[in-house]
Amino acid sequence: MLLPHKHIRFANSLIAIAGYIRRFLDEPRSLDELWVLVNEDHDYALIKPSFTQLILAVDILFAIQIAESNPDGHIFISPNQQKKMFNGDLQGEE
């Protein structure tokens, strides 16, 4: 379920869901806020994760150090990733 394969479409893979969730992290958000945003976008999105998939996708973002959380439990894009995004450097080279 992590990666797409013969029986799991890309839209249902956790990698795709993690990328989809990442776009909602333009500001620090709680899991509940993310869930509300995902549900509001449900009618128009190809990716329609369950709450469990949302949590697993956020775990992936933490594991690959794209996202961090503050003491209040809000999830945000790590400062190193924001710097790379604004510099156009997605390869990790500085």
C-alpha atoms as a PDB file:
ATOM      1  CA  MET A   1       0.000   0.000   0.000  1.00  0.00           C
ATOM      2  CA  LEU A   2       2.991   2.269   0.405  1.00  0.00           C
ATOM      3  CA  LEU A   3       3.886   2.166  -3.281  1.00  0.00           C
ATOM      4  CA  PRO A   4       1.587   1.614  -6.242  1.00  0.00           C
ATOM      5  CA  HIS A   5       1.702  -1.793  -7.920  1.00  0.00           C
ATOM      6  CA  LYS A   6      -0.501  -4.115  -9.924  1.00  0.00           C
ATOM      7  CA  HIS A   7      -3.362  -4.143  -7.404  1.00  0.00           C
ATOM      8  CA  ILE A   8      -3.052  -0.645  -5.922  1.00  0.00           C
ATOM      9  CA  ARG A   9      -3.553   2.448  -8.052  1.00  0.00           C
ATOM     10  CA  PHE A  10      -1.145   5.334  -7.583  1.00  0.00           C
ATOM     11  CA  ALA A  11      -3.952   7.505  -6.182  1.00  0.00           C
ATOM     12  CA  ASN A  12      -4.479   4.963  -3.391  1.00  0.00           C
ATOM     13  CA  SER A  13      -0.797   4.566  -2.473  1.00  0.00           C
ATOM     14  CA  LEU A  14       0.502   6.224   0.678  1.00  0.00           C
ATOM     15  CA  ILE A  15       3.236   7.966  -1.314  1.00  0.00           C
ATOM     16  CA  ALA A  16       0.610   9.722  -3.435  1.00  0.00           C
ATOM     17  CA  ILE A  17      -1.487  10.561  -0.382  1.00  0.00           C
ATOM     18  CA  ALA A  18       1.580  12.008   1.382  1.00  0.00           C
ATOM     19  CA  GLY A  19       2.213  14.298  -1.589  1.00  0.00           C
ATOM     20  CA  TYR A  20      -1.438  15.292  -1.626  1.00  0.00           C
ATOM     21  CA  ILE A  21      -1.432  16.074   2.115  1.00  0.00           C
ATOM     22  CA  ARG A  22       1.805  18.032   1.787  1.00  0.00           C
ATOM     23  CA  ARG A  23       0.093  20.654  -0.342  1.00  0.00           C
ATOM     24  CA  PHE A  24      -2.193  21.552   2.569  1.00  0.00           C
ATOM     25  CA  LEU A  25       0.756  22.336   4.830  1.00  0.00           C
ATOM     26  CA  ASP A  26       1.276  25.892   3.618  1.00  0.00           C
ATOM     27  CA  GLU A  27       0.828  26.869   7.270  1.00  0.00           C
ATOM     28  CA  PRO A  28       0.982  24.857  10.521  1.00  0.00           C
ATOM     29  CA  ARG A  29      -2.118  22.693  10.863  1.00  0.00           C
ATOM     30  CA  SER A  30      -3.450  20.103  13.279  1.00  0.00           C
ATOM     31  CA  LEU A  31      -4.524  16.649  12.111  1.00  0.00           C
ATOM     32  CA  ASP A  32      -8.144  17.709  12.542  1.00  0.00           C
ATOM     33  CA  GLU A  33      -7.604  20.764  10.335  1.00  0.00           C
ATOM     34  CA  LEU A  34      -5.927  18.602   7.695  1.00  0.00           C
ATOM     35  CA  TRP A  35      -8.832  16.161   7.815  1.00  0.00           C
ATOM     36  CA  VAL A  36     -11.356  18.980   7.319  1.00  0.00           C
ATOM     37  CA  LEU A  37      -9.387  20.343   4.343  1.00  0.00           C
ATOM     38  CA  VAL A  38      -9.118  16.893   2.769  1.00  0.00           C
ATOM     39  CA  ASN A  39     -12.851  16.304   3.188  1.00  0.00           C
ATOM     40  CA  GLU A  40     -13.684  19.711   1.690  1.00  0.00           C
ATOM     41  CA  ASP A  41     -11.516  18.834  -1.319  1.00  0.00           C
ATOM     42  CA  HIS A  42     -13.075  15.348  -1.632  1.00  0.00           C
ATOM     43  CA  ASP A  43     -15.485  16.249  -4.428  1.00  0.00           C
ATOM     44  CA  TYR A  44     -12.741  17.529  -6.730  1.00  0.00           C
ATOM     45  CA  ALA A  45      -9.714  15.388  -5.858  1.00  0.00           C
ATOM     46  CA  LEU A  46      -8.671  12.116  -7.439  1.00  0.00           C
ATOM     47  CA  ILE A  47      -7.093  11.101  -4.147  1.00  0.00           C
ATOM     48  CA  LYS A  48      -9.664  10.423  -1.423  1.00  0.00           C
ATOM     49  CA  PRO A  49      -7.888   9.107   1.665  1.00  0.00           C
ATOM     50  CA  SER A  50      -9.485   7.690   4.776  1.00  0.00           C
ATOM     51  CA  PHE A  51      -8.503   9.130   8.158  1.00  0.00           C
ATOM     52  CA  THR A  52      -6.168   6.176   8.729  1.00  0.00           C
ATOM     53  CA  GLN A  53      -4.466   6.804   5.388  1.00  0.00           C
ATOM     54  CA  LEU A  54      -4.131  10.492   6.291  1.00  0.00           C
ATOM     55  CA  ILE A  55      -2.320   9.605   9.513  1.00  0.00           C
ATOM     56  CA  LEU A  56      -0.044   7.106   7.748  1.00  0.00           C
ATOM     57  CA  ALA A  57       0.749   9.686   5.044  1.00  0.00           C
ATOM     58  CA  VAL A  58       1.656  12.260   7.698  1.00  0.00           C
ATOM     59  CA  ASP A  59       3.893   9.610   9.306  1.00  0.00           C
ATOM     60  CA  ILE A  60       5.661   9.214   5.962  1.00  0.00           C
ATOM     61  CA  LEU A  61       6.201  12.984   5.773  1.00  0.00           C
ATOM     62  CA  PHE A  62       7.752  12.849   9.260  1.00  0.00           C
ATOM     63  CA  ALA A  63       9.883   9.817   8.361  1.00  0.00           C
ATOM     64  CA  ILE A  64      11.381  11.445   5.266  1.00  0.00           C
ATOM     65  CA  GLN A  65      11.824  14.707   7.194  1.00  0.00           C
ATOM     66  CA  ILE A  66       9.515  16.777   5.029  1.00  0.00           C
ATOM     67  CA  ALA A  67       7.268  17.683   7.963  1.00  0.00           C
ATOM     68  CA  GLU A  68       7.775  18.470  11.636  1.00  0.00           C
ATOM     69  CA  SER A  69       5.448  19.271  14.501  1.00  0.00           C
ATOM     70  CA  ASN A  70       5.519  21.975  17.136  1.00  0.00           C
ATOM     71  CA  PRO A  71       4.716  21.488  20.853  1.00  0.00           C
ATOM     72  CA  ASP A  72       1.061  22.342  20.147  1.00  0.00           C
ATOM     73  CA  GLY A  73       0.819  19.359  17.790  1.00  0.00           C
ATOM     74  CA  HIS A  74       0.576  21.436  14.617  1.00  0.00           C
ATOM     75  CA  ILE A  75       2.277  19.934  11.586  1.00  0.00           C
ATOM     76  CA  PHE A  76       4.344  22.123   9.280  1.00  0.00           C
ATOM     77  CA  ILE A  77       6.890  21.811   6.480  1.00  0.00           C
ATOM     78  CA  SER A  78      10.394  21.650   7.941  1.00  0.00           C
ATOM     79  CA  PRO A  79      12.430  24.839   7.413  1.00  0.00           C
ATOM     80  CA  ASN A  80      15.078  22.969   5.382  1.00  0.00           C
ATOM     81  CA  GLN A  81      12.432  21.792   2.923  1.00  0.00           C
ATOM     82  CA  GLN A  82      10.958  25.281   2.567  1.00  0.00           C
ATOM     83  CA  LYS A  83      14.407  26.663   1.805  1.00  0.00           C
ATOM     84  CA  LYS A  84      14.955  24.005  -0.877  1.00  0.00           C
ATOM     85  CA  MET A  85      11.551  24.677  -2.402  1.00  0.00           C
ATOM     86  CA  PHE A  86      12.097  28.411  -2.678  1.00  0.00           C
ATOM     87  CA  ASN A  87      15.582  27.961  -4.124  1.00  0.00           C
ATOM     88  CA  GLY A  88      14.255  25.514  -6.696  1.00  0.00           C
ATOM     89  CA  ASP A  89      16.582  22.879  -5.273  1.00  0.00           C
ATOM     90  CA  LEU A  90      14.670  19.637  -4.898  1.00  0.00           C
ATOM     91  CA  GLN A  91      17.756  17.419  -5.113  1.00  0.00           C
ATOM     92  CA  GLY A  92      18.957  18.282  -1.607  1.00  0.00           C
ATOM     93  CA  GLU A  93      22.148  19.951  -2.788  1.00  0.00           C
ATOM     94  CA  GLU A  94      23.059  23.279  -1.259  1.00  0.00           C
END
